[in-house]
Amino acid sequence: MANPVVDADLCVGCGLCAQVCSDVFEMGAEGVAVVIDGANVDEDCVQDAVDQCPVGAISA
């Protein structure tokens, strides 16, 4: 799996990804999700975040 990417233009800042996969995603200063630098990417965790994002802002 490639590193996850958050499309900041699509992200609505609901924070679900950060709740579902807090080792990989956090809410940034702009109020949108960001991928944590150097995060240990857990494929199952990231896939859960991709699947649950209400606006499809996460790709992996």
PDB file of N, CA and C in Angstrom:
ATOM      1  N   MET A   1       0.849  -1.178   0.000  1.00  0.00           N
ATOM      2  CA  MET A   1       0.000   0.000   0.000  1.00  0.00           C
ATOM      3  C   MET A   1       0.896   1.244   0.000  1.00  0.00           C
ATOM      4  N   ALA A   2       0.536   2.183  -0.836  1.00  0.00           N
ATOM      5  CA  ALA A   2       1.257   3.455  -0.873  1.00  0.00           C
ATOM      6  C   ALA A   2       0.907   4.273   0.369  1.00  0.00           C
ATOM      7  N   ASN A   3       1.712   5.272   0.650  1.00  0.00           N
ATOM      8  CA  ASN A   3       1.405   6.137   1.780  1.00  0.00           C
ATOM      9  C   ASN A   3       0.081   6.849   1.533  1.00  0.00           C
ATOM     10  N   PRO A   4      -0.733   6.983   2.564  1.00  0.00           N
ATOM     11  CA  PRO A   4      -2.028   7.654   2.393  1.00  0.00           C
ATOM     12  C   PRO A   4      -1.841   9.139   2.115  1.00  0.00           C
ATOM     13  N   VAL A   5      -2.821   9.699   1.422  1.00  0.00           N
ATOM     14  CA  VAL A   5      -2.812  11.121   1.076  1.00  0.00           C
ATOM     15  C   VAL A   5      -4.195  11.682   1.399  1.00  0.00           C
ATOM     16  N   VAL A   6      -4.225  12.854   1.996  1.00  0.00           N
ATOM     17  CA  VAL A   6      -5.481  13.544   2.267  1.00  0.00           C
ATOM     18  C   VAL A   6      -5.600  14.705   1.295  1.00  0.00           C
ATOM     19  N   ASP A   7      -6.713  14.748   0.557  1.00  0.00           N
ATOM     20  CA  ASP A   7      -6.995  15.864  -0.340  1.00  0.00           C
ATOM     21  C   ASP A   7      -7.597  16.983   0.505  1.00  0.00           C
ATOM     22  N   ALA A   8      -6.801  17.996   0.816  1.00  0.00           N
ATOM     23  CA  ALA A   8      -7.229  19.091   1.691  1.00  0.00           C
ATOM     24  C   ALA A   8      -8.406  19.867   1.118  1.00  0.00           C
ATOM     25  N   ASP A   9      -8.556  19.866  -0.202  1.00  0.00           N
ATOM     26  CA  ASP A   9      -9.676  20.569  -0.817  1.00  0.00           C
ATOM     27  C   ASP A   9     -10.994  19.840  -0.596  1.00  0.00           C
ATOM     28  N   LEU A  10     -10.940  18.516  -0.432  1.00  0.00           N
ATOM     29  CA  LEU A  10     -12.146  17.729  -0.183  1.00  0.00           C
ATOM     30  C   LEU A  10     -12.459  17.560   1.297  1.00  0.00           C
ATOM     31  N   CYS A  11     -11.426  17.535   2.136  1.00  0.00           N
ATOM     32  CA  CYS A  11     -11.594  17.264   3.558  1.00  0.00           C
ATOM     33  C   CYS A  11     -12.484  18.323   4.207  1.00  0.00           C
ATOM     34  N   VAL A  12     -13.470  17.854   4.986  1.00  0.00           N
ATOM     35  CA  VAL A  12     -14.378  18.760   5.697  1.00  0.00           C
ATOM     36  C   VAL A  12     -14.026  18.879   7.174  1.00  0.00           C
ATOM     37  N   GLY A  13     -12.966  18.198   7.594  1.00  0.00           N
ATOM     38  CA  GLY A  13     -12.482  18.328   8.964  1.00  0.00           C
ATOM     39  C   GLY A  13     -13.328  17.648  10.021  1.00  0.00           C
ATOM     40  N   CYS A  14     -14.005  16.571   9.659  1.00  0.00           N
ATOM     41  CA  CYS A  14     -14.851  15.886  10.641  1.00  0.00           C
ATOM     42  C   CYS A  14     -14.034  15.135  11.690  1.00  0.00           C
ATOM     43  N   GLY A  15     -12.794  14.773  11.363  1.00  0.00           N
ATOM     44  CA  GLY A  15     -11.914  14.120  12.316  1.00  0.00           C
ATOM     45  C   GLY A  15     -12.091  12.624  12.462  1.00  0.00           C
ATOM     46  N   LEU A  16     -12.955  12.028  11.650  1.00  0.00           N
ATOM     47  CA  LEU A  16     -13.203  10.595  11.759  1.00  0.00           C
ATOM     48  C   LEU A  16     -11.940   9.781  11.510  1.00  0.00           C
ATOM     49  N   CYS A  17     -11.146  10.163  10.529  1.00  0.00           N
ATOM     50  CA  CYS A  17      -9.918   9.419  10.232  1.00  0.00           C
ATOM     51  C   CYS A  17      -8.965   9.446  11.415  1.00  0.00           C
ATOM     52  N   ALA A  18      -8.872  10.583  12.087  1.00  0.00           N
ATOM     53  CA  ALA A  18      -7.990  10.702  13.252  1.00  0.00           C
ATOM     54  C   ALA A  18      -8.499   9.857  14.417  1.00  0.00           C
ATOM     55  N   GLN A  19      -9.804   9.664  14.485  1.00  0.00           N
ATOM     56  CA  GLN A  19     -10.369   8.802  15.527  1.00  0.00           C
ATOM     57  C   GLN A  19     -10.144   7.337  15.199  1.00  0.00           C
ATOM     58  N   VAL A  20     -10.346   6.980  13.930  1.00  0.00           N
ATOM     59  CA  VAL A  20     -10.250   5.584  13.493  1.00  0.00           C
ATOM     60  C   VAL A  20      -8.805   5.124  13.406  1.00  0.00           C
ATOM     61  N   CYS A  21      -7.909   6.029  13.018  1.00  0.00           N
ATOM     62  CA  CYS A  21      -6.518   5.654  12.749  1.00  0.00           C
ATOM     63  C   CYS A  21      -5.583   6.751  13.257  1.00  0.00           C
ATOM     64  N   SER A  22      -5.547   6.919  14.572  1.00  0.00           N
ATOM     65  CA  SER A  22      -4.790   8.025  15.173  1.00  0.00           C
ATOM     66  C   SER A  22      -3.284   7.880  15.064  1.00  0.00           C
ATOM     67  N   ASP A  23      -2.794   6.697  14.698  1.00  0.00           N
ATOM     68  CA  ASP A  23      -1.353   6.531  14.502  1.00  0.00           C
ATOM     69  C   ASP A  23      -0.887   7.104  13.172  1.00  0.00           C
ATOM     70  N   VAL A  24      -1.840   7.358  12.271  1.00  0.00           N
ATOM     71  CA  VAL A  24      -1.495   7.814  10.925  1.00  0.00           C
ATOM     72  C   VAL A  24      -2.039   9.214  10.625  1.00  0.00           C
ATOM     73  N   PHE A  25      -3.229   9.537  11.130  1.00  0.00           N
ATOM     74  CA  PHE A  25      -3.867  10.816  10.818  1.00  0.00           C
ATOM     75  C   PHE A  25      -4.043  11.676  12.057  1.00  0.00           C
ATOM     76  N   GLU A  26      -3.943  12.988  11.854  1.00  0.00           N
ATOM     77  CA  GLU A  26      -4.244  13.952  12.900  1.00  0.00           C
ATOM     78  C   GLU A  26      -4.899  15.162  12.248  1.00  0.00           C
ATOM     79  N   MET A  27      -5.524  15.976  13.064  1.00  0.00           N
ATOM     80  CA  MET A  27      -6.135  17.183  12.536  1.00  0.00           C
ATOM     81  C   MET A  27      -5.096  18.295  12.543  1.00  0.00           C
ATOM     82  N   GLY A  28      -4.891  18.894  11.401  1.00  0.00           N
ATOM     83  CA  GLY A  28      -3.883  19.936  11.265  1.00  0.00           C
ATOM     84  C   GLY A  28      -4.388  21.297  11.708  1.00  0.00           C
ATOM     85  N   ALA A  29      -3.509  22.249  11.721  1.00  0.00           N
ATOM     86  CA  ALA A  29      -3.825  23.605  12.159  1.00  0.00           C
ATOM     87  C   ALA A  29      -4.889  24.263  11.289  1.00  0.00           C
ATOM     88  N   GLU A  30      -4.989  23.821  10.044  1.00  0.00           N
ATOM     89  CA  GLU A  30      -5.968  24.392   9.111  1.00  0.00           C
ATOM     90  C   GLU A  30      -7.365  23.807   9.306  1.00  0.00           C
ATOM     91  N   GLY A  31      -7.473  22.827  10.224  1.00  0.00           N
ATOM     92  CA  GLY A  31      -8.767  22.205  10.475  1.00  0.00           C
ATOM     93  C   GLY A  31      -9.085  21.045   9.559  1.00  0.00           C
ATOM     94  N   VAL A  32      -8.091  20.605   8.819  1.00  0.00           N
ATOM     95  CA  VAL A  32      -8.272  19.433   7.951  1.00  0.00           C
ATOM     96  C   VAL A  32      -7.296  18.347   8.374  1.00  0.00           C
ATOM     97  N   ALA A  33      -7.596  17.127   7.991  1.00  0.00           N
ATOM     98  CA  ALA A  33      -6.747  15.999   8.361  1.00  0.00           C
ATOM     99  C   ALA A  33      -5.420  16.045   7.613  1.00  0.00           C
ATOM    100  N   VAL A  34      -4.403  15.562   8.278  1.00  0.00           N
ATOM    101  CA  VAL A  34      -3.082  15.427   7.663  1.00  0.00           C
ATOM    102  C   VAL A  34      -2.503  14.078   8.055  1.00  0.00           C
ATOM    103  N   VAL A  35      -1.603  13.581   7.234  1.00  0.00           N
ATOM    104  CA  VAL A  35      -0.884  12.350   7.545  1.00  0.00           C
ATOM    105  C   VAL A  35       0.294  12.732   8.432  1.00  0.00           C
ATOM    106  N   ILE A  36       0.456  12.019   9.524  1.00  0.00           N
ATOM    107  CA  ILE A  36       1.542  12.296  10.462  1.00  0.00           C
ATOM    108  C   ILE A  36       2.874  11.914   9.810  1.00  0.00           C
ATOM    109  N   ASP A  37       3.815  12.866   9.818  1.00  0.00           N
ATOM    110  CA  ASP A  37       5.143  12.606   9.251  1.00  0.00           C
ATOM    111  C   ASP A  37       5.787  11.429   9.965  1.00  0.00           C
ATOM    112  N   GLY A  38       6.303  10.492   9.191  1.00  0.00           N
ATOM    113  CA  GLY A  38       7.002   9.346   9.752  1.00  0.00           C
ATOM    114  C   GLY A  38       6.093   8.310  10.386  1.00  0.00           C
ATOM    115  N   ALA A  39       4.793   8.410  10.131  1.00  0.00           N
ATOM    116  CA  ALA A  39       3.843   7.463  10.721  1.00  0.00           C
ATOM    117  C   ALA A  39       4.121   6.041  10.238  1.00  0.00           C
ATOM    118  N   ASN A  40       3.967   5.101  11.138  1.00  0.00           N
ATOM    119  CA  ASN A  40       4.050   3.688  10.791  1.00  0.00           C
ATOM    120  C   ASN A  40       2.703   3.303  10.194  1.00  0.00           C
ATOM    121  N   VAL A  41       2.633   3.158   8.894  1.00  0.00           N
ATOM    122  CA  VAL A  41       1.369   2.957   8.191  1.00  0.00           C
ATOM    123  C   VAL A  41       0.873   1.530   8.375  1.00  0.00           C
ATOM    124  N   ASP A  42      -0.253   1.410   9.069  1.00  0.00           N
ATOM    125  CA  ASP A  42      -0.953   0.138   9.260  1.00  0.00           C
ATOM    126  C   ASP A  42      -2.014   0.059   8.167  1.00  0.00           C
ATOM    127  N   GLU A  43      -1.830  -0.855   7.209  1.00  0.00           N
ATOM    128  CA  GLU A  43      -2.712  -0.922   6.043  1.00  0.00           C
ATOM    129  C   GLU A  43      -4.179  -1.089   6.415  1.00  0.00           C
ATOM    130  N   ASP A  44      -4.482  -1.930   7.398  1.00  0.00           N
ATOM    131  CA  ASP A  44      -5.876  -2.141   7.795  1.00  0.00           C
ATOM    132  C   ASP A  44      -6.473  -0.873   8.389  1.00  0.00           C
ATOM    133  N   CYS A  45      -5.694  -0.209   9.210  1.00  0.00           N
ATOM    134  CA  CYS A  45      -6.135   1.028   9.838  1.00  0.00           C
ATOM    135  C   CYS A  45      -6.403   2.107   8.779  1.00  0.00           C
ATOM    136  N   VAL A  46      -5.481   2.264   7.855  1.00  0.00           N
ATOM    137  CA  VAL A  46      -5.639   3.258   6.795  1.00  0.00           C
ATOM    138  C   VAL A  46      -6.847   2.929   5.934  1.00  0.00           C
ATOM    139  N   GLN A  47      -7.035   1.656   5.621  1.00  0.00           N
ATOM    140  CA  GLN A  47      -8.194   1.272   4.807  1.00  0.00           C
ATOM    141  C   GLN A  47      -9.501   1.595   5.521  1.00  0.00           C
ATOM    142  N   ASP A  48      -9.545   1.406   6.831  1.00  0.00           N
ATOM    143  CA  ASP A  48     -10.731   1.789   7.601  1.00  0.00           C
ATOM    144  C   ASP A  48     -11.003   3.285   7.456  1.00  0.00           C
ATOM    145  N   ALA A  49      -9.955   4.089   7.547  1.00  0.00           N
ATOM    146  CA  ALA A  49     -10.106   5.537   7.415  1.00  0.00           C
ATOM    147  C   ALA A  49     -10.583   5.905   6.011  1.00  0.00           C
ATOM    148  N   VAL A  50     -10.013   5.260   4.987  1.00  0.00           N
ATOM    149  CA  VAL A  50     -10.437   5.497   3.603  1.00  0.00           C
ATOM    150  C   VAL A  50     -11.911   5.160   3.448  1.00  0.00           C
ATOM    151  N   ASP A  51     -12.302   3.998   3.955  1.00  0.00           N
ATOM    152  CA  ASP A  51     -13.682   3.538   3.806  1.00  0.00           C
ATOM    153  C   ASP A  51     -14.684   4.404   4.562  1.00  0.00           C
ATOM    154  N   GLN A  52     -14.258   4.979   5.689  1.00  0.00           N
ATOM    155  CA  GLN A  52     -15.192   5.731   6.525  1.00  0.00           C
ATOM    156  C   GLN A  52     -15.210   7.226   6.261  1.00  0.00           C
ATOM    157  N   CYS A  53     -14.265   7.730   5.477  1.00  0.00           N
ATOM    158  CA  CYS A  53     -14.250   9.165   5.183  1.00  0.00           C
ATOM    159  C   CYS A  53     -15.534   9.547   4.453  1.00  0.00           C
ATOM    160  N   PRO A  54     -16.327  10.444   5.019  1.00  0.00           N
ATOM    161  CA  PRO A  54     -17.637  10.761   4.414  1.00  0.00           C
ATOM    162  C   PRO A  54     -17.553  11.490   3.073  1.00  0.00           C
ATOM    163  N   VAL A  55     -16.406  12.076   2.748  1.00  0.00           N
ATOM    164  CA  VAL A  55     -16.281  12.815   1.490  1.00  0.00           C
ATOM    165  C   VAL A  55     -15.248  12.227   0.551  1.00  0.00           C
ATOM    166  N   GLY A  56     -14.668  11.084   0.911  1.00  0.00           N
ATOM    167  CA  GLY A  56     -13.691  10.428   0.040  1.00  0.00           C
ATOM    168  C   GLY A  56     -12.414  11.215  -0.143  1.00  0.00           C
ATOM    169  N   ALA A  57     -11.971  11.890   0.908  1.00  0.00           N
ATOM    170  CA  ALA A  57     -10.794  12.764   0.799  1.00  0.00           C
ATOM    171  C   ALA A  57      -9.474  12.017   0.973  1.00  0.00           C
ATOM    172  N   ILE A  58      -9.535  10.731   1.347  1.00  0.00           N
ATOM    173  CA  ILE A  58      -8.312   9.979   1.614  1.00  0.00           C
ATOM    174  C   ILE A  58      -8.093   8.938   0.528  1.00  0.00           C
ATOM    175  N   SER A  59      -6.877   8.890   0.022  1.00  0.00           N
ATOM    176  CA  SER A  59      -6.513   7.844  -0.925  1.00  0.00           C
ATOM    177  C   SER A  59      -5.240   7.172  -0.416  1.00  0.00           C
ATOM    178  N   ALA A  60      -5.062   5.937  -0.845  1.00  0.00           N
ATOM    179  CA  ALA A  60      -3.876   5.202  -0.405  1.00  0.00           C
ATOM    180  C   ALA A  60      -3.350   4.361  -1.547  1.00  0.00           C
TER     181      ALA A  60
END
